[in-house]
């Protein structure tokens, strides 16, 4: 059994991870074999997500200390948490994709940027495109009207240039 000091250290570490994470998704990994768990950890690592098995009571204490007492609803049975400090969609996408292949992984819930989410909301979040795709879509949306405006503003100048060329051709022909 861990000493009180070790438990306090774990609680402090969990508090820091929960505070600094843009997303934390809680899962039940019961029944997953060691090889499958290793594959899941590798998938998470490749996506920049930290996947960690946690003790429910210590996680509950950490969550209450930072103002997330609602998380206790997800801390039943064996629990593992996927944390991400940069992309709030990455843990949801990684875990939902893995859960489609391995039905033993059960997503319990979690939070994204301070909002507590249920399973259906996490699955909806996972269906969103990645951060890079969303940024490029936003930039494309901003670029379209500007390109159109440039085309409209070039119209009168283009017409003036055509008129001047026509006048020059007319004068050179006469």
N, C-alpha and C. Protein backbone atom coordinates (compact mmCIF):
# COMPACT_ATOMS: atom_id res chain seq x y z
N UNK A 1 0.84 -1.18 0.00
CA UNK A 1 0.00 0.00 0.00
C UNK A 1 0.89 1.25 0.00
N UNK A 2 0.49 2.25 -0.76
CA UNK A 2 1.27 3.48 -0.89
C UNK A 2 1.14 4.32 0.37
N UNK A 3 2.20 5.03 0.67
CA UNK A 3 2.17 5.89 1.86
C UNK A 3 1.36 7.14 1.56
N UNK A 4 1.04 7.88 2.62
CA UNK A 4 0.25 9.09 2.48
C UNK A 4 0.97 10.13 1.62
N UNK A 5 2.28 10.22 1.78
CA UNK A 5 3.05 11.17 0.98
C UNK A 5 2.99 10.83 -0.51
N UNK A 6 3.09 9.53 -0.83
CA UNK A 6 3.00 9.10 -2.23
C UNK A 6 1.62 9.41 -2.81
N UNK A 7 0.59 9.19 -2.01
CA UNK A 7 -0.77 9.49 -2.47
C UNK A 7 -0.96 10.99 -2.70
N UNK A 8 -0.40 11.81 -1.82
CA UNK A 8 -0.49 13.26 -2.00
C UNK A 8 0.23 13.69 -3.27
N UNK A 9 1.35 13.05 -3.54
CA UNK A 9 2.11 13.37 -4.75
C UNK A 9 1.30 13.00 -6.00
N UNK A 10 0.63 11.84 -5.97
CA UNK A 10 -0.20 11.41 -7.09
C UNK A 10 -1.38 12.36 -7.28
N UNK A 11 -2.01 12.77 -6.18
CA UNK A 11 -3.14 13.70 -6.27
C UNK A 11 -2.67 15.03 -6.87
N UNK A 12 -1.52 15.53 -6.43
CA UNK A 12 -0.98 16.78 -6.96
C UNK A 12 -0.69 16.66 -8.46
N UNK A 13 -0.15 15.52 -8.86
CA UNK A 13 0.14 15.28 -10.28
C UNK A 13 -1.15 15.25 -11.10
N UNK A 14 -2.16 14.56 -10.58
CA UNK A 14 -3.45 14.50 -11.27
C UNK A 14 -4.11 15.87 -11.35
N UNK A 15 -4.02 16.65 -10.28
CA UNK A 15 -4.56 18.01 -10.30
C UNK A 15 -3.91 18.81 -11.42
N UNK A 16 -2.59 18.73 -11.51
CA UNK A 16 -1.87 19.48 -12.54
C UNK A 16 -2.27 19.03 -13.94
N UNK A 17 -2.38 17.72 -14.14
CA UNK A 17 -2.77 17.19 -15.45
C UNK A 17 -4.19 17.63 -15.81
N UNK A 18 -5.11 17.56 -14.86
CA UNK A 18 -6.49 17.96 -15.13
C UNK A 18 -6.60 19.47 -15.40
N UNK A 19 -5.83 20.27 -14.66
CA UNK A 19 -5.86 21.73 -14.86
C UNK A 19 -5.26 22.13 -16.20
N UNK A 20 -4.15 21.51 -16.56
CA UNK A 20 -3.44 21.92 -17.77
C UNK A 20 -4.00 21.29 -19.05
N UNK A 21 -4.86 20.30 -18.92
CA UNK A 21 -5.38 19.60 -20.09
C UNK A 21 -6.53 20.37 -20.72
N UNK A 22 -6.52 20.40 -22.05
CA UNK A 22 -7.67 20.95 -22.77
C UNK A 22 -8.79 19.92 -22.79
N UNK A 23 -8.41 18.64 -22.68
CA UNK A 23 -9.40 17.58 -22.68
C UNK A 23 -8.92 16.42 -21.82
N UNK A 24 -9.85 15.79 -21.14
CA UNK A 24 -9.59 14.56 -20.38
C UNK A 24 -10.79 13.65 -20.58
N UNK A 25 -10.55 12.48 -21.13
CA UNK A 25 -11.62 11.53 -21.41
C UNK A 25 -11.41 10.31 -20.52
N UNK A 26 -12.47 9.94 -19.78
CA UNK A 26 -12.41 8.81 -18.85
C UNK A 26 -12.96 7.57 -19.53
N UNK A 27 -12.24 6.44 -19.34
CA UNK A 27 -12.64 5.19 -19.97
C UNK A 27 -12.62 4.05 -18.97
N UNK A 28 -13.35 3.00 -19.31
CA UNK A 28 -13.31 1.73 -18.59
C UNK A 28 -12.60 0.75 -19.50
N UNK A 29 -11.48 0.24 -19.06
CA UNK A 29 -10.65 -0.63 -19.89
C UNK A 29 -10.81 -2.10 -19.50
N UNK A 30 -11.82 -2.44 -18.73
CA UNK A 30 -12.01 -3.80 -18.22
C UNK A 30 -12.09 -4.80 -19.37
N UNK A 31 -11.31 -5.85 -19.28
CA UNK A 31 -11.35 -6.93 -20.27
C UNK A 31 -10.36 -6.77 -21.41
N UNK A 32 -9.71 -5.63 -21.50
CA UNK A 32 -8.74 -5.42 -22.57
C UNK A 32 -7.45 -6.16 -22.23
N UNK A 33 -6.95 -6.92 -23.18
CA UNK A 33 -5.72 -7.69 -22.97
C UNK A 33 -4.51 -6.77 -23.01
N UNK A 34 -3.40 -7.25 -22.50
CA UNK A 34 -2.18 -6.45 -22.40
C UNK A 34 -1.73 -5.95 -23.78
N UNK A 35 -1.75 -6.82 -24.77
CA UNK A 35 -1.33 -6.43 -26.12
C UNK A 35 -2.23 -5.34 -26.70
N UNK A 36 -3.54 -5.46 -26.43
CA UNK A 36 -4.48 -4.44 -26.92
C UNK A 36 -4.26 -3.12 -26.20
N UNK A 37 -3.99 -3.19 -24.89
CA UNK A 37 -3.73 -1.97 -24.12
C UNK A 37 -2.45 -1.30 -24.61
N UNK A 38 -1.45 -2.09 -24.96
CA UNK A 38 -0.21 -1.54 -25.49
C UNK A 38 -0.47 -0.85 -26.84
N UNK A 39 -1.28 -1.48 -27.67
CA UNK A 39 -1.62 -0.87 -28.96
C UNK A 39 -2.38 0.45 -28.75
N UNK A 40 -3.28 0.48 -27.78
CA UNK A 40 -4.03 1.71 -27.47
C UNK A 40 -3.09 2.80 -26.98
N UNK A 41 -2.17 2.45 -26.10
CA UNK A 41 -1.20 3.44 -25.61
C UNK A 41 -0.35 3.99 -26.76
N UNK A 42 0.03 3.12 -27.70
CA UNK A 42 0.82 3.55 -28.84
C UNK A 42 0.01 4.51 -29.72
N UNK A 43 -1.26 4.17 -29.96
CA UNK A 43 -2.13 5.06 -30.74
C UNK A 43 -2.25 6.43 -30.07
N UNK A 44 -2.44 6.41 -28.77
CA UNK A 44 -2.56 7.66 -28.03
C UNK A 44 -1.26 8.46 -28.12
N UNK A 45 -0.15 7.81 -27.92
CA UNK A 45 1.15 8.49 -27.98
C UNK A 45 1.37 9.12 -29.35
N UNK A 46 1.02 8.38 -30.42
CA UNK A 46 1.18 8.89 -31.78
C UNK A 46 0.30 10.12 -32.02
N UNK A 47 -0.84 10.19 -31.34
CA UNK A 47 -1.75 11.33 -31.49
C UNK A 47 -1.42 12.47 -30.52
N UNK A 48 -0.38 12.28 -29.71
CA UNK A 48 -0.01 13.32 -28.74
C UNK A 48 -0.87 13.31 -27.50
N UNK A 49 -1.49 12.18 -27.21
CA UNK A 49 -2.39 12.02 -26.07
C UNK A 49 -1.73 11.14 -25.03
N UNK A 50 -1.83 11.53 -23.77
CA UNK A 50 -1.31 10.70 -22.69
C UNK A 50 -2.44 9.84 -22.14
N UNK A 51 -2.24 8.52 -22.10
CA UNK A 51 -3.24 7.58 -21.61
C UNK A 51 -2.71 6.97 -20.33
N UNK A 52 -3.44 7.16 -19.23
CA UNK A 52 -2.93 6.76 -17.93
C UNK A 52 -4.04 6.08 -17.11
N UNK A 53 -3.69 4.95 -16.49
CA UNK A 53 -4.60 4.28 -15.56
C UNK A 53 -4.51 5.02 -14.24
N UNK A 54 -5.68 5.32 -13.65
CA UNK A 54 -5.71 6.11 -12.42
C UNK A 54 -6.52 5.41 -11.34
N UNK A 55 -6.25 5.79 -10.11
CA UNK A 55 -7.06 5.30 -8.98
C UNK A 55 -8.24 6.26 -8.83
N UNK A 56 -9.42 5.69 -8.70
CA UNK A 56 -10.64 6.50 -8.66
C UNK A 56 -10.67 7.47 -7.49
N UNK A 57 -10.32 7.00 -6.30
CA UNK A 57 -10.42 7.88 -5.13
C UNK A 57 -9.45 9.05 -5.23
N UNK A 58 -8.23 8.78 -5.69
CA UNK A 58 -7.24 9.85 -5.82
C UNK A 58 -7.65 10.83 -6.93
N UNK A 59 -8.20 10.31 -8.01
CA UNK A 59 -8.66 11.17 -9.10
C UNK A 59 -9.84 12.02 -8.64
N UNK A 60 -10.73 11.42 -7.85
CA UNK A 60 -11.88 12.17 -7.34
C UNK A 60 -11.41 13.31 -6.43
N UNK A 61 -10.45 13.06 -5.59
CA UNK A 61 -9.92 14.11 -4.71
C UNK A 61 -9.30 15.23 -5.55
N UNK A 62 -8.51 14.85 -6.56
CA UNK A 62 -7.87 15.85 -7.43
C UNK A 62 -8.93 16.67 -8.17
N UNK A 63 -9.97 16.00 -8.68
CA UNK A 63 -11.03 16.69 -9.42
C UNK A 63 -11.79 17.66 -8.52
N UNK A 64 -12.08 17.25 -7.30
CA UNK A 64 -12.78 18.14 -6.37
C UNK A 64 -11.90 19.34 -5.99
N UNK A 65 -10.60 19.11 -5.85
CA UNK A 65 -9.68 20.20 -5.50
C UNK A 65 -9.61 21.28 -6.57
N UNK A 66 -9.81 20.90 -7.83
CA UNK A 66 -9.72 21.90 -8.90
C UNK A 66 -11.10 22.35 -9.40
N UNK A 67 -12.16 21.89 -8.75
CA UNK A 67 -13.50 22.37 -9.08
C UNK A 67 -14.29 21.55 -10.08
N UNK A 68 -14.00 20.26 -10.19
CA UNK A 68 -14.75 19.37 -11.07
C UNK A 68 -15.35 18.21 -10.27
N UNK A 69 -16.22 18.47 -9.30
CA UNK A 69 -16.77 17.35 -8.53
C UNK A 69 -17.68 16.43 -9.36
N UNK A 70 -18.18 16.93 -10.50
CA UNK A 70 -19.07 16.12 -11.35
C UNK A 70 -18.35 14.92 -11.96
N UNK A 71 -17.03 14.98 -12.00
CA UNK A 71 -16.26 13.89 -12.59
C UNK A 71 -16.42 12.59 -11.81
N UNK A 72 -16.82 12.69 -10.54
CA UNK A 72 -16.96 11.48 -9.71
C UNK A 72 -17.95 10.48 -10.32
N UNK A 73 -18.89 10.97 -11.15
CA UNK A 73 -19.83 10.07 -11.82
C UNK A 73 -19.12 9.10 -12.76
N UNK A 74 -17.97 9.50 -13.29
CA UNK A 74 -17.23 8.68 -14.24
C UNK A 74 -16.19 7.78 -13.57
N UNK A 75 -16.03 7.92 -12.27
CA UNK A 75 -14.99 7.19 -11.56
C UNK A 75 -15.56 5.96 -10.86
N UNK A 76 -16.11 5.07 -11.65
CA UNK A 76 -16.67 3.82 -11.16
C UNK A 76 -16.01 2.69 -11.96
N UNK A 77 -15.50 1.70 -11.27
CA UNK A 77 -14.83 0.59 -11.95
C UNK A 77 -13.43 0.99 -12.38
N UNK A 78 -12.74 0.11 -13.09
CA UNK A 78 -11.38 0.42 -13.54
C UNK A 78 -11.41 1.64 -14.46
N UNK A 79 -10.55 2.61 -14.19
CA UNK A 79 -10.58 3.87 -14.94
C UNK A 79 -9.21 4.21 -15.49
N UNK A 80 -9.22 4.63 -16.76
CA UNK A 80 -8.03 5.19 -17.39
C UNK A 80 -8.45 6.52 -18.00
N UNK A 81 -7.52 7.45 -18.03
CA UNK A 81 -7.82 8.80 -18.53
C UNK A 81 -6.88 9.12 -19.68
N UNK A 82 -7.44 9.73 -20.72
CA UNK A 82 -6.64 10.24 -21.84
C UNK A 82 -6.59 11.75 -21.70
N UNK A 83 -5.38 12.30 -21.57
CA UNK A 83 -5.17 13.74 -21.42
C UNK A 83 -4.56 14.31 -22.69
N UNK A 84 -4.91 15.55 -23.02
CA UNK A 84 -4.22 16.27 -24.09
C UNK A 84 -4.15 17.74 -23.73
N UNK A 85 -2.96 18.31 -23.82
CA UNK A 85 -2.76 19.72 -23.45
C UNK A 85 -2.94 20.67 -24.61
N UNK A 86 -3.02 20.17 -25.85
CA UNK A 86 -3.06 21.06 -27.00
C UNK A 86 -4.31 20.94 -27.85
N UNK A 87 -4.68 19.74 -28.23
CA UNK A 87 -5.81 19.53 -29.13
C UNK A 87 -6.96 18.88 -28.37
N UNK A 88 -8.07 19.59 -28.16
CA UNK A 88 -9.17 19.01 -27.39
C UNK A 88 -9.90 17.87 -28.11
N UNK A 89 -9.73 17.78 -29.42
CA UNK A 89 -10.42 16.74 -30.18
C UNK A 89 -9.62 15.43 -30.22
N UNK A 90 -8.31 15.51 -30.11
CA UNK A 90 -7.45 14.34 -30.28
C UNK A 90 -7.78 13.17 -29.35
N UNK A 91 -7.96 13.39 -28.02
CA UNK A 91 -8.26 12.22 -27.19
C UNK A 91 -9.61 11.58 -27.53
N UNK A 92 -10.59 12.42 -27.81
CA UNK A 92 -11.92 11.88 -28.16
C UNK A 92 -11.84 11.08 -29.45
N UNK A 93 -11.19 11.63 -30.46
CA UNK A 93 -11.08 10.95 -31.75
C UNK A 93 -10.32 9.64 -31.61
N UNK A 94 -9.21 9.65 -30.90
CA UNK A 94 -8.38 8.45 -30.73
C UNK A 94 -9.15 7.35 -30.00
N UNK A 95 -9.79 7.71 -28.89
CA UNK A 95 -10.50 6.69 -28.09
C UNK A 95 -11.75 6.18 -28.79
N UNK A 96 -12.50 7.06 -29.44
CA UNK A 96 -13.72 6.61 -30.14
C UNK A 96 -13.34 5.70 -31.30
N UNK A 97 -12.30 6.05 -32.04
CA UNK A 97 -11.85 5.18 -33.14
C UNK A 97 -11.41 3.82 -32.63
N UNK A 98 -10.69 3.80 -31.50
CA UNK A 98 -10.24 2.54 -30.94
C UNK A 98 -11.44 1.73 -30.41
N UNK A 99 -12.39 2.42 -29.79
CA UNK A 99 -13.56 1.72 -29.23
C UNK A 99 -14.42 1.08 -30.32
N UNK A 100 -14.37 1.63 -31.54
CA UNK A 100 -15.11 1.02 -32.65
C UNK A 100 -14.51 -0.34 -33.01
N UNK A 101 -13.17 -0.44 -32.89
CA UNK A 101 -12.47 -1.68 -33.22
C UNK A 101 -12.50 -2.67 -32.07
N UNK A 102 -12.41 -2.15 -30.85
CA UNK A 102 -12.36 -3.00 -29.67
C UNK A 102 -13.51 -2.59 -28.74
N UNK A 103 -14.57 -3.34 -28.76
CA UNK A 103 -15.79 -3.01 -28.02
C UNK A 103 -15.61 -3.06 -26.51
N UNK A 104 -14.48 -3.60 -26.04
CA UNK A 104 -14.26 -3.69 -24.59
C UNK A 104 -13.93 -2.34 -23.97
N UNK A 105 -13.37 -1.43 -24.75
CA UNK A 105 -13.07 -0.09 -24.24
C UNK A 105 -14.37 0.71 -24.20
N UNK A 106 -14.72 1.13 -23.00
CA UNK A 106 -15.96 1.89 -22.82
C UNK A 106 -15.62 3.32 -22.42
N UNK A 107 -16.14 4.26 -23.17
CA UNK A 107 -15.94 5.67 -22.83
C UNK A 107 -17.00 6.06 -21.82
N UNK A 108 -16.56 6.61 -20.70
CA UNK A 108 -17.48 6.98 -19.61
C UNK A 108 -17.94 8.43 -19.73
N UNK A 109 -17.04 9.31 -20.10
CA UNK A 109 -17.33 10.74 -20.17
C UNK A 109 -16.04 11.50 -20.01
N UNK A 110 -16.15 12.79 -19.76
CA UNK A 110 -14.94 13.58 -19.57
C UNK A 110 -15.23 15.06 -19.61
N UNK A 111 -14.19 15.82 -19.83
CA UNK A 111 -14.39 17.26 -19.99
C UNK A 111 -13.46 17.78 -21.07
N UNK A 112 -13.93 18.82 -21.73
CA UNK A 112 -13.17 19.49 -22.77
C UNK A 112 -13.24 20.97 -22.50
N UNK A 113 -12.08 21.58 -22.28
CA UNK A 113 -11.96 23.01 -22.01
C UNK A 113 -12.98 23.48 -20.97
N UNK A 114 -13.05 22.74 -19.87
CA UNK A 114 -13.88 23.13 -18.74
C UNK A 114 -15.32 22.67 -18.80
N UNK A 115 -15.77 22.09 -19.90
CA UNK A 115 -17.14 21.62 -20.04
C UNK A 115 -17.20 20.12 -19.82
N UNK A 116 -18.07 19.69 -18.90
CA UNK A 116 -18.27 18.26 -18.66
C UNK A 116 -19.10 17.70 -19.81
N UNK A 117 -18.63 16.59 -20.39
CA UNK A 117 -19.30 15.98 -21.54
C UNK A 117 -19.67 14.54 -21.25
N UNK A 118 -20.81 14.13 -21.76
CA UNK A 118 -21.23 12.74 -21.68
C UNK A 118 -20.70 11.95 -22.87
N UNK A 119 -21.05 10.70 -22.94
CA UNK A 119 -20.55 9.82 -24.00
C UNK A 119 -20.99 10.30 -25.37
N UNK A 120 -22.26 10.65 -25.52
CA UNK A 120 -22.75 11.07 -26.84
C UNK A 120 -22.06 12.35 -27.30
N UNK A 121 -21.80 13.26 -26.38
CA UNK A 121 -21.12 14.51 -26.74
C UNK A 121 -19.66 14.25 -27.14
N UNK A 122 -19.03 13.30 -26.49
CA UNK A 122 -17.65 12.96 -26.84
C UNK A 122 -17.61 12.31 -28.22
N UNK A 123 -18.59 11.47 -28.53
CA UNK A 123 -18.65 10.86 -29.86
C UNK A 123 -18.90 11.92 -30.93
N UNK A 124 -19.71 12.92 -30.62
CA UNK A 124 -19.94 14.02 -31.56
C UNK A 124 -18.65 14.81 -31.76
N UNK A 125 -17.95 15.08 -30.67
CA UNK A 125 -16.68 15.79 -30.74
C UNK A 125 -15.67 15.01 -31.59
N UNK A 126 -15.66 13.70 -31.45
CA UNK A 126 -14.73 12.86 -32.20
C UNK A 126 -15.03 12.88 -33.69
N UNK A 127 -16.26 13.17 -34.07
CA UNK A 127 -16.61 13.20 -35.49
C UNK A 127 -16.18 14.49 -36.17
N UNK A 128 -15.76 15.48 -35.39
CA UNK A 128 -15.28 16.74 -35.97
C UNK A 128 -13.94 16.51 -36.66
N UNK A 129 -13.65 17.30 -37.68
CA UNK A 129 -12.31 17.20 -38.28
C UNK A 129 -11.26 17.69 -37.29
N UNK A 130 -10.03 17.36 -37.55
CA UNK A 130 -8.93 17.77 -36.68
C UNK A 130 -8.72 19.28 -36.68
N UNK A 131 -7.89 19.73 -35.76
CA UNK A 131 -7.64 21.16 -35.59
C UNK A 131 -7.09 21.80 -36.87
N UNK A 132 -6.12 21.13 -37.51
CA UNK A 132 -5.52 21.67 -38.73
C UNK A 132 -6.56 21.83 -39.84
N UNK A 133 -7.44 20.86 -39.97
CA UNK A 133 -8.48 20.93 -41.00
C UNK A 133 -9.45 22.07 -40.69
N UNK A 134 -9.84 22.21 -39.43
CA UNK A 134 -10.74 23.31 -39.06
C UNK A 134 -10.11 24.68 -39.32
N UNK A 135 -8.83 24.82 -39.02
CA UNK A 135 -8.15 26.09 -39.26
C UNK A 135 -8.10 26.38 -40.76
N UNK A 136 -7.78 25.37 -41.57
CA UNK A 136 -7.72 25.60 -43.01
C UNK A 136 -9.11 25.92 -43.57
N UNK A 137 -10.16 25.30 -43.03
CA UNK A 137 -11.52 25.62 -43.47
C UNK A 137 -11.87 27.07 -43.14
N UNK A 138 -11.48 27.52 -41.95
CA UNK A 138 -11.76 28.90 -41.55
C UNK A 138 -10.99 29.88 -42.44
N UNK A 139 -9.73 29.58 -42.71
CA UNK A 139 -8.94 30.45 -43.57
C UNK A 139 -9.50 30.49 -45.00
N UNK A 140 -9.95 29.34 -45.49
CA UNK A 140 -10.56 29.31 -46.82
C UNK A 140 -11.82 30.15 -46.84
N UNK A 141 -12.60 30.08 -45.77
CA UNK A 141 -13.82 30.88 -45.68
C UNK A 141 -13.52 32.37 -45.66
N UNK A 142 -12.43 32.76 -45.02
CA UNK A 142 -12.03 34.17 -45.01
C UNK A 142 -11.42 34.59 -46.35
N UNK A 143 -10.73 33.68 -47.01
CA UNK A 143 -10.05 34.00 -48.25
C UNK A 143 -11.03 34.18 -49.42
N UNK A 144 -12.12 33.44 -49.44
CA UNK A 144 -13.09 33.51 -50.55
C UNK A 144 -13.63 34.91 -50.80
N UNK A 145 -14.20 35.58 -49.81
CA UNK A 145 -14.72 36.93 -50.04
C UNK A 145 -13.63 37.93 -50.44
N UNK A 146 -12.44 37.78 -49.88
CA UNK A 146 -11.35 38.70 -50.23
C UNK A 146 -10.93 38.51 -51.68
N UNK A 147 -10.87 37.28 -52.15
CA UNK A 147 -10.54 37.01 -53.54
C UNK A 147 -11.61 37.61 -54.46
N UNK A 148 -12.87 37.45 -54.08
CA UNK A 148 -13.96 38.04 -54.86
C UNK A 148 -13.87 39.56 -54.90
N UNK A 149 -13.57 40.16 -53.77
CA UNK A 149 -13.43 41.62 -53.71
C UNK A 149 -12.31 42.09 -54.61
N UNK A 150 -11.19 41.39 -54.61
CA UNK A 150 -10.06 41.76 -55.49
C UNK A 150 -10.49 41.67 -56.95
N UNK A 151 -11.24 40.65 -57.30
CA UNK A 151 -11.73 40.50 -58.68
C UNK A 151 -12.65 41.64 -59.07
N UNK A 152 -13.53 42.04 -58.17
CA UNK A 152 -14.46 43.13 -58.45
C UNK A 152 -13.71 44.45 -58.59
N UNK A 153 -12.72 44.68 -57.74
CA UNK A 153 -11.95 45.93 -57.80
C UNK A 153 -11.07 45.99 -59.05
N UNK A 154 -10.65 44.84 -59.56
CA UNK A 154 -9.83 44.83 -60.76
C UNK A 154 -10.65 45.08 -62.03
N UNK A 155 -11.96 44.88 -61.97
CA UNK A 155 -12.82 45.03 -63.14
C UNK A 155 -12.70 46.39 -63.82
N UNK A 156 -12.92 47.50 -63.12
CA UNK A 156 -12.81 48.81 -63.78
C UNK A 156 -11.41 49.09 -64.34
N UNK A 157 -10.37 48.67 -63.63
CA UNK A 157 -9.01 48.87 -64.11
C UNK A 157 -8.79 48.07 -65.39
N UNK A 158 -9.28 46.84 -65.40
CA UNK A 158 -9.15 45.98 -66.59
C UNK A 158 -9.88 46.61 -67.77
N UNK A 159 -11.09 47.14 -67.53
CA UNK A 159 -11.87 47.77 -68.61
C UNK A 159 -11.14 49.01 -69.14
N UNK A 160 -10.53 49.80 -68.25
CA UNK A 160 -9.76 50.97 -68.67
C UNK A 160 -8.58 50.54 -69.53
N UNK A 161 -7.90 49.47 -69.13
CA UNK A 161 -6.75 48.98 -69.89
C UNK A 161 -7.21 48.51 -71.27
N UNK A 162 -8.34 47.79 -71.36
CA UNK A 162 -8.86 47.34 -72.66
C UNK A 162 -9.22 48.54 -73.53
N UNK A 163 -9.83 49.56 -72.92
CA UNK A 163 -10.20 50.76 -73.68
C UNK A 163 -8.97 51.47 -74.21
N UNK A 164 -7.93 51.59 -73.40
CA UNK A 164 -6.71 52.24 -73.85
C UNK A 164 -6.03 51.45 -74.97
N UNK A 165 -6.02 50.14 -74.89
CA UNK A 165 -5.46 49.30 -75.94
C UNK A 165 -6.26 49.47 -77.23
N UNK A 166 -7.60 49.52 -77.10
CA UNK A 166 -8.45 49.69 -78.28
C UNK A 166 -8.20 51.06 -78.93
N UNK A 167 -8.04 52.11 -78.12
CA UNK A 167 -7.77 53.47 -78.65
C UNK A 167 -6.42 53.46 -79.35
N UNK A 168 -5.42 52.79 -78.75
CA UNK A 168 -4.09 52.74 -79.35
C UNK A 168 -4.14 52.01 -80.69
N UNK A 169 -4.87 50.90 -80.74
CA UNK A 169 -4.99 50.14 -81.99
C UNK A 169 -5.71 50.96 -83.05
N UNK A 170 -6.73 51.71 -82.61
CA UNK A 170 -7.52 52.53 -83.54
C UNK A 170 -6.64 53.64 -84.11
N UNK A 171 -5.82 54.26 -83.28
CA UNK A 171 -4.95 55.35 -83.74
C UNK A 171 -3.84 54.81 -84.64
N UNK A 172 -3.31 53.64 -84.33
CA UNK A 172 -2.25 53.08 -85.16
C UNK A 172 -2.80 52.58 -86.51
N UNK A 173 -4.07 52.21 -86.56
CA UNK A 173 -4.70 51.75 -87.80
C UNK A 173 -5.01 52.93 -88.70
N UNK A 174 -5.22 54.13 -88.17
CA UNK A 174 -5.58 55.27 -89.00
C UNK A 174 -4.43 56.08 -89.45
